[in-house]
Amino acid sequence: MGWANNLAQLSQWFNTLSMSIQPALTYGALAAVLIASMASEAQTISGSGTRDCSALNFAIDQDSDVALDSYLSWVQGYISGFNATNHRNIDIAIDHAGLFHWLANYCRANPRTPLHQAVREMIGIHAR
């Protein structure tokens, strides 16, 4: 009868342990899901898109064709990447002049906004 008593005590111990661990496991799983979803949204941005809109404004003010071409080429590449990878099959089609006009207006109004964020906003507007 000693082993049956030990088995009952062991079973009770496991039940108590699982009840005390269950909330921790639940919260841990929830945290893992939240972290994974945040990580999937994070992107590394490189190149001209990391600059603030004030840099684009400066290039416009200086009439710097080289700088403006650099910014617009980066933006067109970003849009091309979006078009190639979006799952809704909505292509963003905007010509060079339209793109320049939209960015110039947006960046004048939002000089501290990073260029990549300005482009994301433009994509959000055109991808509806």
N, C-alpha and C. Protein backbone atom coordinates (compact mmCIF):
# COMPACT_ATOMS: atom_id res chain seq x y z
N MET A 1 0.82 -1.19 0.00
CA MET A 1 0.00 0.00 0.00
C MET A 1 0.86 1.26 0.00
N GLY A 2 2.15 1.15 0.35
CA GLY A 2 3.05 2.28 0.39
C GLY A 2 3.28 2.87 -1.00
N TRP A 3 3.42 2.00 -1.99
CA TRP A 3 3.65 2.52 -3.34
C TRP A 3 2.43 3.23 -3.87
N ALA A 4 1.21 2.76 -3.52
CA ALA A 4 -0.02 3.40 -3.97
C ALA A 4 -0.13 4.80 -3.35
N ASN A 5 0.26 4.91 -2.10
CA ASN A 5 0.24 6.20 -1.42
C ASN A 5 1.25 7.16 -2.06
N ASN A 6 2.44 6.62 -2.36
CA ASN A 6 3.46 7.43 -3.02
C ASN A 6 2.99 7.88 -4.42
N LEU A 7 2.32 6.97 -5.11
CA LEU A 7 1.80 7.29 -6.44
C LEU A 7 0.73 8.39 -6.35
N ALA A 8 -0.14 8.30 -5.34
CA ALA A 8 -1.18 9.30 -5.15
C ALA A 8 -0.56 10.66 -4.82
N GLN A 9 0.48 10.66 -3.96
CA GLN A 9 1.16 11.90 -3.62
C GLN A 9 1.87 12.49 -4.85
N LEU A 10 2.49 11.62 -5.62
CA LEU A 10 3.17 12.07 -6.83
C LEU A 10 2.17 12.65 -7.83
N SER A 11 1.03 12.01 -7.98
CA SER A 11 -0.01 12.49 -8.89
C SER A 11 -0.53 13.85 -8.43
N GLN A 12 -0.74 13.99 -7.11
CA GLN A 12 -1.21 15.27 -6.57
C GLN A 12 -0.15 16.35 -6.79
N TRP A 13 1.11 15.99 -6.63
CA TRP A 13 2.19 16.95 -6.84
C TRP A 13 2.23 17.43 -8.30
N PHE A 14 2.06 16.48 -9.25
CA PHE A 14 2.03 16.85 -10.67
C PHE A 14 0.84 17.75 -10.99
N ASN A 15 -0.32 17.45 -10.42
CA ASN A 15 -1.50 18.29 -10.65
C ASN A 15 -1.27 19.71 -10.13
N THR A 16 -0.70 19.81 -8.92
CA THR A 16 -0.41 21.12 -8.35
C THR A 16 0.61 21.86 -9.20
N LEU A 17 1.64 21.15 -9.63
CA LEU A 17 2.68 21.75 -10.45
C LEU A 17 2.11 22.24 -11.78
N SER A 18 1.28 21.43 -12.42
CA SER A 18 0.73 21.84 -13.72
C SER A 18 -0.20 23.04 -13.57
N MET A 19 -0.93 23.12 -12.43
CA MET A 19 -1.81 24.26 -12.22
C MET A 19 -1.01 25.54 -11.97
N SER A 20 0.16 25.40 -11.35
CA SER A 20 0.96 26.60 -11.09
C SER A 20 1.79 26.99 -12.31
N ILE A 21 2.10 26.06 -13.16
CA ILE A 21 2.89 26.33 -14.36
C ILE A 21 2.00 26.78 -15.52
N GLN A 22 0.76 26.34 -15.54
CA GLN A 22 -0.12 26.64 -16.67
C GLN A 22 -0.23 28.13 -16.96
N PRO A 23 -0.47 29.01 -15.96
CA PRO A 23 -0.51 30.45 -16.29
C PRO A 23 0.81 30.95 -16.86
N ALA A 24 1.91 30.47 -16.31
CA ALA A 24 3.21 30.91 -16.82
C ALA A 24 3.40 30.46 -18.26
N LEU A 25 3.00 29.24 -18.56
CA LEU A 25 3.11 28.75 -19.94
C LEU A 25 2.19 29.54 -20.87
N THR A 26 0.99 29.85 -20.41
CA THR A 26 0.07 30.62 -21.22
C THR A 26 0.63 32.01 -21.52
N TYR A 27 1.10 32.70 -20.48
CA TYR A 27 1.67 34.03 -20.68
C TYR A 27 2.95 33.96 -21.52
N GLY A 28 3.73 32.92 -21.31
CA GLY A 28 4.94 32.75 -22.11
C GLY A 28 4.63 32.55 -23.58
N ALA A 29 3.61 31.74 -23.86
CA ALA A 29 3.21 31.51 -25.25
C ALA A 29 2.67 32.79 -25.87
N LEU A 30 1.88 33.55 -25.11
CA LEU A 30 1.36 34.82 -25.60
C LEU A 30 2.49 35.79 -25.90
N ALA A 31 3.47 35.86 -25.01
CA ALA A 31 4.62 36.75 -25.24
C ALA A 31 5.38 36.33 -26.49
N ALA A 32 5.55 35.02 -26.68
CA ALA A 32 6.27 34.54 -27.87
C ALA A 32 5.54 34.92 -29.15
N VAL A 33 4.22 34.82 -29.15
CA VAL A 33 3.43 35.19 -30.34
C VAL A 33 3.55 36.68 -30.61
N LEU A 34 3.47 37.49 -29.55
CA LEU A 34 3.58 38.95 -29.73
C LEU A 34 4.96 39.33 -30.25
N ILE A 35 5.99 38.73 -29.70
CA ILE A 35 7.36 39.03 -30.14
C ILE A 35 7.54 38.61 -31.59
N ALA A 36 7.03 37.45 -31.95
CA ALA A 36 7.16 36.98 -33.33
C ALA A 36 6.42 37.90 -34.30
N SER A 37 5.25 38.38 -33.91
CA SER A 37 4.52 39.26 -34.82
C SER A 37 5.22 40.61 -34.95
N MET A 38 5.82 41.10 -33.87
CA MET A 38 6.55 42.36 -33.95
C MET A 38 7.80 42.17 -34.80
N ALA A 39 8.45 41.04 -34.66
CA ALA A 39 9.67 40.80 -35.44
C ALA A 39 9.35 40.69 -36.92
N SER A 40 8.18 40.14 -37.26
CA SER A 40 7.85 40.01 -38.67
C SER A 40 7.56 41.38 -39.31
N GLU A 41 7.19 42.37 -38.47
CA GLU A 41 6.95 43.71 -39.00
C GLU A 41 8.23 44.52 -39.10
N ALA A 42 9.23 44.16 -38.35
CA ALA A 42 10.47 44.93 -38.35
C ALA A 42 11.23 44.67 -39.65
N GLN A 43 11.76 45.73 -40.21
CA GLN A 43 12.53 45.61 -41.45
C GLN A 43 13.78 46.45 -41.30
N THR A 44 14.83 45.99 -41.92
CA THR A 44 16.05 46.78 -41.96
C THR A 44 16.00 47.66 -43.18
N ILE A 45 16.17 48.94 -42.99
CA ILE A 45 16.17 49.90 -44.08
C ILE A 45 17.60 50.38 -44.27
N SER A 46 18.05 50.39 -45.50
CA SER A 46 19.40 50.83 -45.82
C SER A 46 19.35 51.88 -46.92
N GLY A 47 20.41 52.64 -47.04
CA GLY A 47 20.54 53.57 -48.15
C GLY A 47 19.83 54.88 -47.92
N SER A 48 19.47 55.53 -49.02
CA SER A 48 18.89 56.87 -48.99
C SER A 48 17.58 56.94 -48.22
N GLY A 49 16.87 55.85 -48.13
CA GLY A 49 15.59 55.82 -47.43
C GLY A 49 15.70 56.02 -45.94
N THR A 50 16.90 55.93 -45.40
CA THR A 50 17.08 56.14 -43.96
C THR A 50 17.15 57.62 -43.61
N ARG A 51 17.33 58.46 -44.60
CA ARG A 51 17.43 59.91 -44.35
C ARG A 51 16.06 60.50 -44.08
N ASP A 52 16.04 61.61 -43.34
CA ASP A 52 14.79 62.33 -43.12
C ASP A 52 14.38 63.09 -44.37
N CYS A 53 13.12 63.43 -44.43
CA CYS A 53 12.61 64.23 -45.55
C CYS A 53 13.35 65.56 -45.69
N SER A 54 13.90 66.06 -44.60
CA SER A 54 14.64 67.33 -44.69
C SER A 54 15.82 67.21 -45.65
N ALA A 55 16.41 66.03 -45.77
CA ALA A 55 17.51 65.83 -46.72
C ALA A 55 17.00 65.94 -48.16
N LEU A 56 15.83 65.38 -48.42
CA LEU A 56 15.23 65.52 -49.75
C LEU A 56 14.90 66.99 -50.02
N ASN A 57 14.35 67.67 -49.01
CA ASN A 57 14.05 69.09 -49.16
C ASN A 57 15.31 69.89 -49.50
N PHE A 58 16.41 69.56 -48.84
CA PHE A 58 17.67 70.25 -49.10
C PHE A 58 18.13 70.01 -50.53
N ALA A 59 18.02 68.76 -50.99
CA ALA A 59 18.41 68.43 -52.37
C ALA A 59 17.56 69.19 -53.37
N ILE A 60 16.27 69.35 -53.07
CA ILE A 60 15.38 70.13 -53.95
C ILE A 60 15.81 71.59 -53.95
N ASP A 61 16.05 72.13 -52.76
CA ASP A 61 16.45 73.54 -52.64
C ASP A 61 17.77 73.82 -53.36
N GLN A 62 18.68 72.85 -53.33
CA GLN A 62 19.99 73.01 -53.98
C GLN A 62 19.95 72.63 -55.46
N ASP A 63 18.79 72.12 -55.91
CA ASP A 63 18.63 71.68 -57.29
C ASP A 63 19.72 70.68 -57.68
N SER A 64 19.95 69.74 -56.75
CA SER A 64 21.00 68.74 -56.92
C SER A 64 20.44 67.52 -57.66
N ASP A 65 20.69 67.46 -58.96
CA ASP A 65 20.20 66.34 -59.76
C ASP A 65 20.74 65.00 -59.26
N VAL A 66 22.00 64.97 -58.86
CA VAL A 66 22.62 63.72 -58.39
C VAL A 66 21.91 63.23 -57.13
N ALA A 67 21.70 64.12 -56.17
CA ALA A 67 21.04 63.73 -54.92
C ALA A 67 19.58 63.33 -55.18
N LEU A 68 18.90 64.11 -55.99
CA LEU A 68 17.50 63.81 -56.28
C LEU A 68 17.36 62.47 -57.00
N ASP A 69 18.24 62.21 -57.96
CA ASP A 69 18.22 60.91 -58.64
C ASP A 69 18.47 59.77 -57.66
N SER A 70 19.36 60.00 -56.71
CA SER A 70 19.65 58.98 -55.70
C SER A 70 18.40 58.67 -54.87
N TYR A 71 17.74 59.72 -54.38
CA TYR A 71 16.53 59.51 -53.58
C TYR A 71 15.43 58.85 -54.39
N LEU A 72 15.18 59.36 -55.59
CA LEU A 72 14.09 58.80 -56.39
C LEU A 72 14.38 57.37 -56.85
N SER A 73 15.64 57.07 -57.12
CA SER A 73 16.00 55.69 -57.49
C SER A 73 15.76 54.76 -56.31
N TRP A 74 16.12 55.21 -55.11
CA TRP A 74 15.90 54.39 -53.92
C TRP A 74 14.41 54.14 -53.74
N VAL A 75 13.61 55.20 -53.88
CA VAL A 75 12.16 55.08 -53.71
C VAL A 75 11.57 54.14 -54.76
N GLN A 76 12.00 54.27 -56.00
CA GLN A 76 11.48 53.39 -57.05
C GLN A 76 11.86 51.94 -56.77
N GLY A 77 13.05 51.71 -56.25
CA GLY A 77 13.45 50.35 -55.88
C GLY A 77 12.60 49.81 -54.74
N TYR A 78 12.31 50.67 -53.76
CA TYR A 78 11.46 50.26 -52.63
C TYR A 78 10.06 49.89 -53.13
N ILE A 79 9.52 50.73 -54.00
CA ILE A 79 8.19 50.45 -54.55
C ILE A 79 8.22 49.17 -55.39
N SER A 80 9.27 48.97 -56.16
CA SER A 80 9.40 47.73 -56.95
C SER A 80 9.45 46.51 -56.03
N GLY A 81 10.17 46.63 -54.93
CA GLY A 81 10.21 45.54 -53.96
C GLY A 81 8.84 45.26 -53.37
N PHE A 82 8.11 46.32 -53.06
CA PHE A 82 6.74 46.15 -52.57
C PHE A 82 5.89 45.43 -53.61
N ASN A 83 5.96 45.91 -54.85
CA ASN A 83 5.16 45.30 -55.92
C ASN A 83 5.49 43.82 -56.10
N ALA A 84 6.75 43.48 -55.95
CA ALA A 84 7.17 42.09 -56.17
C ALA A 84 6.76 41.16 -55.03
N THR A 85 6.54 41.72 -53.83
CA THR A 85 6.30 40.85 -52.68
C THR A 85 4.93 40.99 -52.04
N ASN A 86 4.12 41.95 -52.48
CA ASN A 86 2.82 42.10 -51.81
C ASN A 86 1.91 40.95 -52.20
N HIS A 87 1.07 40.56 -51.26
CA HIS A 87 0.22 39.38 -51.45
C HIS A 87 -1.16 39.72 -51.98
N ARG A 88 -1.46 41.01 -52.06
CA ARG A 88 -2.78 41.42 -52.55
C ARG A 88 -2.77 41.67 -54.05
N ASN A 89 -1.60 41.52 -54.67
CA ASN A 89 -1.44 41.74 -56.11
C ASN A 89 -1.91 43.12 -56.55
N ILE A 90 -1.60 44.12 -55.74
CA ILE A 90 -1.89 45.51 -56.08
C ILE A 90 -0.56 46.18 -56.37
N ASP A 91 -0.33 46.49 -57.63
CA ASP A 91 0.91 47.17 -58.00
C ASP A 91 0.76 48.67 -57.80
N ILE A 92 1.79 49.27 -57.27
CA ILE A 92 1.85 50.72 -57.17
C ILE A 92 2.52 51.20 -58.45
N ALA A 93 1.78 51.90 -59.26
CA ALA A 93 2.31 52.41 -60.53
C ALA A 93 2.25 53.93 -60.48
N ILE A 94 3.40 54.55 -60.41
CA ILE A 94 3.47 56.00 -60.38
C ILE A 94 4.69 56.42 -61.18
N ASP A 95 4.51 57.38 -62.06
CA ASP A 95 5.64 57.80 -62.89
C ASP A 95 6.61 58.66 -62.08
N HIS A 96 7.76 58.89 -62.68
CA HIS A 96 8.85 59.62 -62.03
C HIS A 96 8.39 61.00 -61.58
N ALA A 97 7.70 61.73 -62.45
CA ALA A 97 7.25 63.09 -62.12
C ALA A 97 6.20 63.08 -61.01
N GLY A 98 5.27 62.14 -61.07
CA GLY A 98 4.24 62.03 -60.03
C GLY A 98 4.84 61.67 -58.69
N LEU A 99 5.80 60.77 -58.72
CA LEU A 99 6.50 60.36 -57.51
C LEU A 99 7.24 61.54 -56.89
N PHE A 100 7.95 62.29 -57.72
CA PHE A 100 8.69 63.45 -57.24
C PHE A 100 7.73 64.48 -56.63
N HIS A 101 6.64 64.74 -57.31
CA HIS A 101 5.66 65.73 -56.85
C HIS A 101 5.09 65.31 -55.49
N TRP A 102 4.69 64.05 -55.35
CA TRP A 102 4.10 63.58 -54.10
C TRP A 102 5.12 63.68 -52.97
N LEU A 103 6.33 63.19 -53.21
CA LEU A 103 7.36 63.23 -52.17
C LEU A 103 7.74 64.65 -51.78
N ALA A 104 7.87 65.53 -52.77
CA ALA A 104 8.23 66.92 -52.47
C ALA A 104 7.17 67.57 -51.58
N ASN A 105 5.91 67.37 -51.89
CA ASN A 105 4.84 67.94 -51.08
C ASN A 105 4.80 67.32 -49.68
N TYR A 106 4.93 66.01 -49.63
CA TYR A 106 4.88 65.32 -48.33
C TYR A 106 6.06 65.75 -47.45
N CYS A 107 7.24 65.79 -48.04
CA CYS A 107 8.44 66.09 -47.26
C CYS A 107 8.48 67.56 -46.82
N ARG A 108 7.91 68.46 -47.59
CA ARG A 108 7.81 69.86 -47.15
C ARG A 108 6.94 69.94 -45.89
N ALA A 109 5.88 69.17 -45.87
CA ALA A 109 4.96 69.19 -44.73
C ALA A 109 5.46 68.37 -43.54
N ASN A 110 6.37 67.41 -43.80
CA ASN A 110 6.84 66.49 -42.76
C ASN A 110 8.35 66.32 -42.81
N PRO A 111 9.12 67.37 -42.56
CA PRO A 111 10.57 67.31 -42.76
C PRO A 111 11.30 66.33 -41.85
N ARG A 112 10.74 65.98 -40.74
CA ARG A 112 11.44 65.06 -39.81
C ARG A 112 11.08 63.59 -40.03
N THR A 113 10.20 63.33 -40.94
CA THR A 113 9.79 61.96 -41.24
C THR A 113 10.86 61.28 -42.08
N PRO A 114 11.26 60.05 -41.70
CA PRO A 114 12.20 59.32 -42.54
C PRO A 114 11.59 59.07 -43.93
N LEU A 115 12.43 59.11 -44.94
CA LEU A 115 11.96 58.94 -46.32
C LEU A 115 11.23 57.61 -46.50
N HIS A 116 11.75 56.54 -45.89
CA HIS A 116 11.09 55.23 -46.05
C HIS A 116 9.68 55.26 -45.47
N GLN A 117 9.47 56.01 -44.41
CA GLN A 117 8.13 56.11 -43.83
C GLN A 117 7.21 56.91 -44.75
N ALA A 118 7.73 57.94 -45.39
CA ALA A 118 6.95 58.71 -46.37
C ALA A 118 6.51 57.79 -47.51
N VAL A 119 7.42 56.96 -47.98
CA VAL A 119 7.10 56.05 -49.09
C VAL A 119 6.07 55.02 -48.65
N ARG A 120 6.20 54.51 -47.42
CA ARG A 120 5.20 53.57 -46.92
C ARG A 120 3.82 54.20 -46.87
N GLU A 121 3.78 55.47 -46.47
CA GLU A 121 2.49 56.16 -46.43
C GLU A 121 1.92 56.30 -47.84
N MET A 122 2.76 56.65 -48.79
CA MET A 122 2.31 56.77 -50.17
C MET A 122 1.80 55.42 -50.69
N ILE A 123 2.51 54.36 -50.38
CA ILE A 123 2.08 53.03 -50.79
C ILE A 123 0.73 52.71 -50.15
N GLY A 124 0.58 53.04 -48.87
CA GLY A 124 -0.69 52.79 -48.19
C GLY A 124 -1.86 53.51 -48.85
N ILE A 125 -1.61 54.71 -49.32
CA ILE A 125 -2.67 55.48 -49.98
C ILE A 125 -2.99 54.87 -51.34
N HIS A 126 -1.97 54.48 -52.11
CA HIS A 126 -2.19 53.98 -53.46
C HIS A 126 -2.56 52.50 -53.52
N ALA A 127 -2.36 51.79 -52.43
CA ALA A 127 -2.63 50.34 -52.44
C ALA A 127 -4.05 50.02 -51.97
N ARG A 128 -4.88 50.99 -51.83
CA ARG A 128 -6.27 50.75 -51.36
C ARG A 128 -7.12 50.20 -52.45
